[in-house]
Amino acid sequence: MKNFSTRCFLACVAACATATFAETARAVEATPDVEVNIPNVIYLKTFSKFICDFPAASLIAPAIVNPDVSGTATIEATGGTVAVGSISKNANIGVTSPFTFASQKCDATNAFAVWGTGGTNGEIKVNVAVDDNSLTHNGIAAGAGVPEMTLSNIYVQENGTAMATDTQKTKLAPGLSTPYKGDIRLDLDITDATRSGTYTGGKIKISAISQ
């Protein structure tokens, strides 16, 4: 009887020990969801001033033939030479301008960069517009306050693609690392420019909108 009790006790101790160790090694797992809220942010970088320098040769239309009363000759112009025809000294002298002035184009590559997260559509829209179209010589208006140069149009295009006549571009939001880069083109009418030098006063507006 004594041996039986001892065996029962030992069996109980072994069973209890086994249960205790098994309980200690038990593991449980959980897989909670992770949620992150990113704000709707946008950052636009551009320049404080765009300077357009036109060499004389870019203002001359080579297809225009200018007569000269002394016969065949050439006209020497700063920045280039233009070949001209000949006429009799008794003929009327031609008055067609050799210059192109109604639409001078000024292109700025990498004119702006935009970083940002889009809104509901995950997009960024860039708009460009003329904010002030009048430029005057050194900021002083010509006679009767008439502007001497007009900023007639502005266009925008994605950097590295051919310029068209778009005033806005919509792209997928670039995010916060690599920006969306764009080029702009300014159309200038210099018909009333009568003085050489610097013309100031024009303003453009570049807007980036998250949508």
C-alpha atoms as a PDB file:
ATOM      1  CA  MET A   1       0.000   0.000   0.000  1.00  0.00           C
ATOM      2  CA  LYS A   2       2.811   2.309   0.834  1.00  0.00           C
ATOM      3  CA  ASN A   3       4.490   1.722  -2.526  1.00  0.00           C
ATOM      4  CA  PHE A   4       1.254   2.418  -4.329  1.00  0.00           C
ATOM      5  CA  SER A   5       0.863   5.787  -2.542  1.00  0.00           C
ATOM      6  CA  THR A   6       4.409   6.708  -3.369  1.00  0.00           C
ATOM      7  CA  ARG A   7       3.920   5.871  -7.010  1.00  0.00           C
ATOM      8  CA  CYS A   8       0.725   7.941  -7.111  1.00  0.00           C
ATOM      9  CA  PHE A   9       2.487  10.906  -5.549  1.00  0.00           C
ATOM     10  CA  LEU A  10       5.375  10.701  -7.972  1.00  0.00           C
ATOM     11  CA  ALA A  11       3.004  10.418 -10.905  1.00  0.00           C
ATOM     12  CA  CYS A  12       1.114  13.458  -9.674  1.00  0.00           C
ATOM     13  CA  VAL A  13       4.294  15.494  -9.289  1.00  0.00           C
ATOM     14  CA  ALA A  14       5.433  14.518 -12.769  1.00  0.00           C
ATOM     15  CA  ALA A  15       2.071  15.407 -14.288  1.00  0.00           C
ATOM     16  CA  CYS A  16       1.915  18.725 -12.483  1.00  0.00           C
ATOM     17  CA  ALA A  17       5.453  19.574 -13.532  1.00  0.00           C
ATOM     18  CA  THR A  18       4.682  18.712 -17.128  1.00  0.00           C
ATOM     19  CA  ALA A  19       1.594  20.887 -17.109  1.00  0.00           C
ATOM     20  CA  THR A  20       3.499  23.765 -15.541  1.00  0.00           C
ATOM     21  CA  PHE A  21       6.282  23.659 -18.119  1.00  0.00           C
ATOM     22  CA  ALA A  22       3.823  23.382 -20.974  1.00  0.00           C
ATOM     23  CA  GLU A  23       1.946  26.428 -19.723  1.00  0.00           C
ATOM     24  CA  THR A  24       5.184  28.467 -19.545  1.00  0.00           C
ATOM     25  CA  ALA A  25       6.104  27.711 -23.179  1.00  0.00           C
ATOM     26  CA  ARG A  26       2.672  28.561 -24.617  1.00  0.00           C
ATOM     27  CA  ALA A  27       2.603  31.575 -27.072  1.00  0.00           C
ATOM     28  CA  VAL A  28      -0.139  33.726 -28.529  1.00  0.00           C
ATOM     29  CA  GLU A  29      -0.106  35.999 -31.618  1.00  0.00           C
ATOM     30  CA  ALA A  30      -1.986  39.114 -32.650  1.00  0.00           C
ATOM     31  CA  THR A  31      -1.992  40.968 -36.001  1.00  0.00           C
ATOM     32  CA  PRO A  32      -3.223  44.524 -35.390  1.00  0.00           C
ATOM     33  CA  ASP A  33      -3.627  46.864 -38.359  1.00  0.00           C
ATOM     34  CA  VAL A  34      -1.330  49.864 -38.888  1.00  0.00           C
ATOM     35  CA  GLU A  35      -2.803  53.163 -40.066  1.00  0.00           C
ATOM     36  CA  VAL A  36      -0.775  56.193 -41.159  1.00  0.00           C
ATOM     37  CA  ASN A  37      -2.239  59.613 -42.001  1.00  0.00           C
ATOM     38  CA  ILE A  38      -0.274  61.665 -44.551  1.00  0.00           C
ATOM     39  CA  PRO A  39      -1.228  65.348 -44.760  1.00  0.00           C
ATOM     40  CA  ASN A  40      -2.081  67.009 -48.040  1.00  0.00           C
ATOM     41  CA  VAL A  41       1.081  69.039 -48.606  1.00  0.00           C
ATOM     42  CA  ILE A  42       2.524  70.864 -51.599  1.00  0.00           C
ATOM     43  CA  TYR A  43       5.733  72.821 -52.152  1.00  0.00           C
ATOM     44  CA  LEU A  44       6.559  75.014 -55.155  1.00  0.00           C
ATOM     45  CA  LYS A  45      10.063  76.290 -55.920  1.00  0.00           C
ATOM     46  CA  THR A  46      10.690  78.822 -58.683  1.00  0.00           C
ATOM     47  CA  PHE A  47      12.784  81.907 -59.370  1.00  0.00           C
ATOM     48  CA  SER A  48      12.233  85.468 -58.213  1.00  0.00           C
ATOM     49  CA  LYS A  49      12.982  86.840 -61.696  1.00  0.00           C
ATOM     50  CA  PHE A  50      13.195  85.611 -65.292  1.00  0.00           C
ATOM     51  CA  ILE A  51      15.587  87.616 -67.494  1.00  0.00           C
ATOM     52  CA  CYS A  52      15.198  87.401 -71.279  1.00  0.00           C
ATOM     53  CA  ASP A  53      18.259  88.492 -73.277  1.00  0.00           C
ATOM     54  CA  PHE A  54      17.595  88.885 -77.009  1.00  0.00           C
ATOM     55  CA  PRO A  55      20.676  89.050 -79.263  1.00  0.00           C
ATOM     56  CA  ALA A  56      20.271  91.315 -82.273  1.00  0.00           C
ATOM     57  CA  ALA A  57      20.408  88.380 -84.689  1.00  0.00           C
ATOM     58  CA  SER A  58      17.290  86.867 -83.102  1.00  0.00           C
ATOM     59  CA  LEU A  59      15.288  89.996 -83.959  1.00  0.00           C
ATOM     60  CA  ILE A  60      16.120  89.946 -87.664  1.00  0.00           C
ATOM     61  CA  ALA A  61      14.040  88.056 -90.218  1.00  0.00           C
ATOM     62  CA  PRO A  62      16.548  86.840 -92.854  1.00  0.00           C
ATOM     63  CA  ALA A  63      13.781  86.135 -95.399  1.00  0.00           C
ATOM     64  CA  ILE A  64      13.030  89.862 -95.714  1.00  0.00           C
ATOM     65  CA  VAL A  65      14.994  91.526 -98.519  1.00  0.00           C
ATOM     66  CA  ASN A  66      15.958  95.131 -97.944  1.00  0.00           C
ATOM     67  CA  PRO A  67      16.900  97.241-100.998  1.00  0.00           C
ATOM     68  CA  ASP A  68      19.928  99.460-101.069  1.00  0.00           C
ATOM     69  CA  VAL A  69      20.194 102.430-103.472  1.00  0.00           C
ATOM     70  CA  SER A  70      23.840 101.776-104.252  1.00  0.00           C
ATOM     71  CA  GLY A  71      23.256  98.291-105.621  1.00  0.00           C
ATOM     72  CA  THR A  72      23.820  94.875-104.132  1.00  0.00           C
ATOM     73  CA  ALA A  73      25.119  95.197-100.594  1.00  0.00           C
ATOM     74  CA  THR A  74      24.933  93.755 -97.129  1.00  0.00           C
ATOM     75  CA  ILE A  75      23.665  95.281 -93.952  1.00  0.00           C
ATOM     76  CA  GLU A  76      25.871  94.724 -90.961  1.00  0.00           C
ATOM     77  CA  ALA A  77      23.824  94.240 -87.815  1.00  0.00           C
ATOM     78  CA  THR A  78      25.090  93.663 -84.327  1.00  0.00           C
ATOM     79  CA  GLY A  79      25.071  89.927 -83.844  1.00  0.00           C
ATOM     80  CA  GLY A  80      24.670  88.976 -87.518  1.00  0.00           C
ATOM     81  CA  THR A  81      24.865  89.905 -91.175  1.00  0.00           C
ATOM     82  CA  VAL A  82      21.797  90.114 -93.414  1.00  0.00           C
ATOM     83  CA  ALA A  83      22.099  89.791 -97.192  1.00  0.00           C
ATOM     84  CA  VAL A  84      20.060  92.328 -99.177  1.00  0.00           C
ATOM     85  CA  GLY A  85      19.067  92.794-102.796  1.00  0.00           C
ATOM     86  CA  SER A  86      19.556  95.756-105.122  1.00  0.00           C
ATOM     87  CA  ILE A  87      17.373  98.403-106.762  1.00  0.00           C
ATOM     88  CA  SER A  88      17.823 101.432-108.960  1.00  0.00           C
ATOM     89  CA  LYS A  89      18.578 104.647-107.129  1.00  0.00           C
ATOM     90  CA  ASN A  90      15.417 106.112-108.652  1.00  0.00           C
ATOM     91  CA  ALA A  91      13.155 103.438-107.213  1.00  0.00           C
ATOM     92  CA  ASN A  92      11.134 103.748-104.046  1.00  0.00           C
ATOM     93  CA  ILE A  93      13.027 102.420-101.085  1.00  0.00           C
ATOM     94  CA  GLY A  94      11.380  99.489 -99.328  1.00  0.00           C
ATOM     95  CA  VAL A  95       9.950 100.093 -95.878  1.00  0.00           C
ATOM     96  CA  THR A  96       9.156  96.534 -94.826  1.00  0.00           C
ATOM     97  CA  SER A  97      10.823  95.998 -91.455  1.00  0.00           C
ATOM     98  CA  PRO A  98      13.587  93.402 -91.381  1.00  0.00           C
ATOM     99  CA  PHE A  99      12.785  92.720 -87.740  1.00  0.00           C
ATOM    100  CA  THR A 100      10.406  90.276 -86.127  1.00  0.00           C
ATOM    101  CA  PHE A 101       8.775  91.975 -83.185  1.00  0.00           C
ATOM    102  CA  ALA A 102       5.156  90.862 -82.740  1.00  0.00           C
ATOM    103  CA  SER A 103       6.075  87.572 -81.069  1.00  0.00           C
ATOM    104  CA  GLN A 104       9.488  87.106 -79.527  1.00  0.00           C
ATOM    105  CA  LYS A 105       9.745  83.890 -77.532  1.00  0.00           C
ATOM    106  CA  CYS A 106      11.667  83.504 -74.297  1.00  0.00           C
ATOM    107  CA  ASP A 107      12.012  79.904 -73.060  1.00  0.00           C
ATOM    108  CA  ALA A 108      13.001  78.999 -69.507  1.00  0.00           C
ATOM    109  CA  THR A 109      13.827  75.351 -68.869  1.00  0.00           C
ATOM    110  CA  ASN A 110      13.553  73.977 -65.339  1.00  0.00           C
ATOM    111  CA  ALA A 111      11.569  77.070 -64.458  1.00  0.00           C
ATOM    112  CA  PHE A 112       9.915  75.454 -61.445  1.00  0.00           C
ATOM    113  CA  ALA A 113       9.791  72.295 -59.331  1.00  0.00           C
ATOM    114  CA  VAL A 114       6.839  70.933 -57.349  1.00  0.00           C
ATOM    115  CA  TRP A 115       6.798  68.380 -54.545  1.00  0.00           C
ATOM    116  CA  GLY A 116       3.616  67.210 -52.892  1.00  0.00           C
ATOM    117  CA  THR A 117       0.901  64.702 -52.174  1.00  0.00           C
ATOM    118  CA  GLY A 118      -2.285  64.774 -54.170  1.00  0.00           C
ATOM    119  CA  GLY A 119      -5.796  65.067 -52.832  1.00  0.00           C
ATOM    120  CA  THR A 120      -8.733  62.844 -53.742  1.00  0.00           C
ATOM    121  CA  ASN A 121      -7.473  62.332 -57.302  1.00  0.00           C
ATOM    122  CA  GLY A 122      -3.830  61.980 -56.318  1.00  0.00           C
ATOM    123  CA  GLU A 123      -2.866  64.735 -58.749  1.00  0.00           C
ATOM    124  CA  ILE A 124      -1.002  68.042 -58.887  1.00  0.00           C
ATOM    125  CA  LYS A 125      -2.146  70.761 -61.294  1.00  0.00           C
ATOM    126  CA  VAL A 126       0.199  73.570 -62.331  1.00  0.00           C
ATOM    127  CA  ASN A 127      -1.288  76.758 -63.773  1.00  0.00           C
ATOM    128  CA  VAL A 128       0.590  79.647 -65.368  1.00  0.00           C
ATOM    129  CA  ALA A 129      -0.804  83.078 -66.163  1.00  0.00           C
ATOM    130  CA  VAL A 130       0.259  86.614 -67.007  1.00  0.00           C
ATOM    131  CA  ASP A 131      -0.180  88.728 -63.894  1.00  0.00           C
ATOM    132  CA  ASP A 132       1.039  92.052 -65.352  1.00  0.00           C
ATOM    133  CA  ASN A 133       1.596  92.291 -69.119  1.00  0.00           C
ATOM    134  CA  SER A 134       3.209  95.758 -69.327  1.00  0.00           C
ATOM    135  CA  LEU A 135       6.957  96.294 -69.377  1.00  0.00           C
ATOM    136  CA  THR A 136       8.483  99.729 -69.664  1.00  0.00           C
ATOM    137  CA  HIS A 137      12.000 100.978 -70.244  1.00  0.00           C
ATOM    138  CA  ASN A 138      13.736 100.887 -66.862  1.00  0.00           C
ATOM    139  CA  GLY A 139      10.271 100.960 -65.324  1.00  0.00           C
ATOM    140  CA  ILE A 140       9.456 104.395 -66.790  1.00  0.00           C
ATOM    141  CA  ALA A 141       6.496 104.521 -69.135  1.00  0.00           C
ATOM    142  CA  ALA A 142       6.885 105.903 -72.640  1.00  0.00           C
ATOM    143  CA  GLY A 143       4.961 108.923 -73.852  1.00  0.00           C
ATOM    144  CA  ALA A 144       1.355 109.154 -72.704  1.00  0.00           C
ATOM    145  CA  GLY A 145       1.967 106.201 -70.388  1.00  0.00           C
ATOM    146  CA  VAL A 146       1.887 103.670 -73.224  1.00  0.00           C
ATOM    147  CA  PRO A 147       3.815 100.510 -72.317  1.00  0.00           C
ATOM    148  CA  GLU A 148       6.788  99.845 -74.555  1.00  0.00           C
ATOM    149  CA  MET A 149       6.613  96.060 -74.424  1.00  0.00           C
ATOM    150  CA  THR A 150       3.799  93.574 -73.854  1.00  0.00           C
ATOM    151  CA  LEU A 151       3.961  90.149 -72.275  1.00  0.00           C
ATOM    152  CA  SER A 152       1.233  88.608 -74.406  1.00  0.00           C
ATOM    153  CA  ASN A 153       1.248  84.925 -73.418  1.00  0.00           C
ATOM    154  CA  ILE A 154       2.799  82.366 -71.123  1.00  0.00           C
ATOM    155  CA  TYR A 155       2.812  78.606 -71.659  1.00  0.00           C
ATOM    156  CA  VAL A 156       3.866  75.627 -69.547  1.00  0.00           C
ATOM    157  CA  GLN A 157       5.153  72.154 -70.353  1.00  0.00           C
ATOM    158  CA  GLU A 158       6.730  69.245 -68.537  1.00  0.00           C
ATOM    159  CA  ASN A 159      10.498  69.525 -68.516  1.00  0.00           C
ATOM    160  CA  GLY A 160      12.099  67.762 -71.464  1.00  0.00           C
ATOM    161  CA  THR A 161       9.006  67.689 -73.705  1.00  0.00           C
ATOM    162  CA  ALA A 162       8.170  69.893 -76.685  1.00  0.00           C
ATOM    163  CA  MET A 163       6.584  73.222 -75.818  1.00  0.00           C
ATOM    164  CA  ALA A 164       2.981  73.673 -76.940  1.00  0.00           C
ATOM    165  CA  THR A 165       0.367  76.284 -76.010  1.00  0.00           C
ATOM    166  CA  ASP A 166      -0.836  74.873 -72.692  1.00  0.00           C
ATOM    167  CA  THR A 167      -1.471  77.136 -69.731  1.00  0.00           C
ATOM    168  CA  GLN A 168      -1.911  74.267 -67.273  1.00  0.00           C
ATOM    169  CA  LYS A 169      -0.579  70.757 -66.772  1.00  0.00           C
ATOM    170  CA  THR A 170      -2.074  68.038 -64.564  1.00  0.00           C
ATOM    171  CA  LYS A 171       0.181  65.219 -63.412  1.00  0.00           C
ATOM    172  CA  LEU A 172       0.142  62.460 -60.819  1.00  0.00           C
ATOM    173  CA  ALA A 173       1.426  63.860 -57.537  1.00  0.00           C
ATOM    174  CA  PRO A 174       5.209  63.398 -57.426  1.00  0.00           C
ATOM    175  CA  GLY A 175       5.440  62.777 -53.687  1.00  0.00           C
ATOM    176  CA  LEU A 176       8.008  64.234 -51.320  1.00  0.00           C
ATOM    177  CA  SER A 177      11.293  63.004 -52.820  1.00  0.00           C
ATOM    178  CA  THR A 178      11.559  63.647 -56.578  1.00  0.00           C
ATOM    179  CA  PRO A 179       9.774  66.779 -57.852  1.00  0.00           C
ATOM    180  CA  TYR A 180       7.746  67.404 -60.978  1.00  0.00           C
ATOM    181  CA  LYS A 181       9.777  69.861 -63.078  1.00  0.00           C
ATOM    182  CA  GLY A 182       8.413  72.196 -65.724  1.00  0.00           C
ATOM    183  CA  ASP A 183       9.451  74.665 -68.426  1.00  0.00           C
ATOM    184  CA  ILE A 184       7.742  77.912 -69.392  1.00  0.00           C
ATOM    185  CA  ARG A 185       7.640  80.046 -72.526  1.00  0.00           C
ATOM    186  CA  LEU A 186       6.989  83.781 -72.579  1.00  0.00           C
ATOM    187  CA  ASP A 187       5.614  85.475 -75.711  1.00  0.00           C
ATOM    188  CA  LEU A 188       6.684  89.109 -75.917  1.00  0.00           C
ATOM    189  CA  ASP A 189       5.450  91.778 -78.304  1.00  0.00           C
ATOM    190  CA  ILE A 190       8.207  94.374 -78.734  1.00  0.00           C
ATOM    191  CA  THR A 191       6.447  96.408 -81.439  1.00  0.00           C
ATOM    192  CA  ASP A 192       6.560  99.593 -79.339  1.00  0.00           C
ATOM    193  CA  ALA A 193      10.097  99.152 -77.999  1.00  0.00           C
ATOM    194  CA  THR A 194      11.921 102.295 -79.102  1.00  0.00           C
ATOM    195  CA  ARG A 195      14.858 102.278 -76.705  1.00  0.00           C
ATOM    196  CA  SER A 196      17.578  99.736 -76.068  1.00  0.00           C
ATOM    197  CA  GLY A 197      18.219  98.640 -72.534  1.00  0.00           C
ATOM    198  CA  THR A 198      16.228  96.956 -69.798  1.00  0.00           C
ATOM    199  CA  TYR A 199      12.447  96.750 -69.669  1.00  0.00           C
ATOM    200  CA  THR A 200      10.805  95.875 -66.371  1.00  0.00           C
ATOM    201  CA  GLY A 201       7.379  95.651 -64.814  1.00  0.00           C
ATOM    202  CA  GLY A 202       5.980  92.404 -66.193  1.00  0.00           C
ATOM    203  CA  LYS A 203       4.846  89.682 -63.820  1.00  0.00           C
ATOM    204  CA  ILE A 204       3.815  86.073 -64.231  1.00  0.00           C
ATOM    205  CA  LYS A 205       2.024  83.733 -61.831  1.00  0.00           C
ATOM    206  CA  ILE A 206       2.817  80.041 -61.320  1.00  0.00           C
ATOM    207  CA  SER A 207       0.343  78.097 -59.176  1.00  0.00           C
ATOM    208  CA  ALA A 208       0.509  74.486 -57.969  1.00  0.00           C
ATOM    209  CA  ILE A 209      -2.757  72.938 -56.783  1.00  0.00           C
ATOM    210  CA  SER A 210      -3.297  69.587 -55.082  1.00  0.00           C
ATOM    211  CA  GLN A 211      -6.419  67.781 -56.251  1.00  0.00           C
END
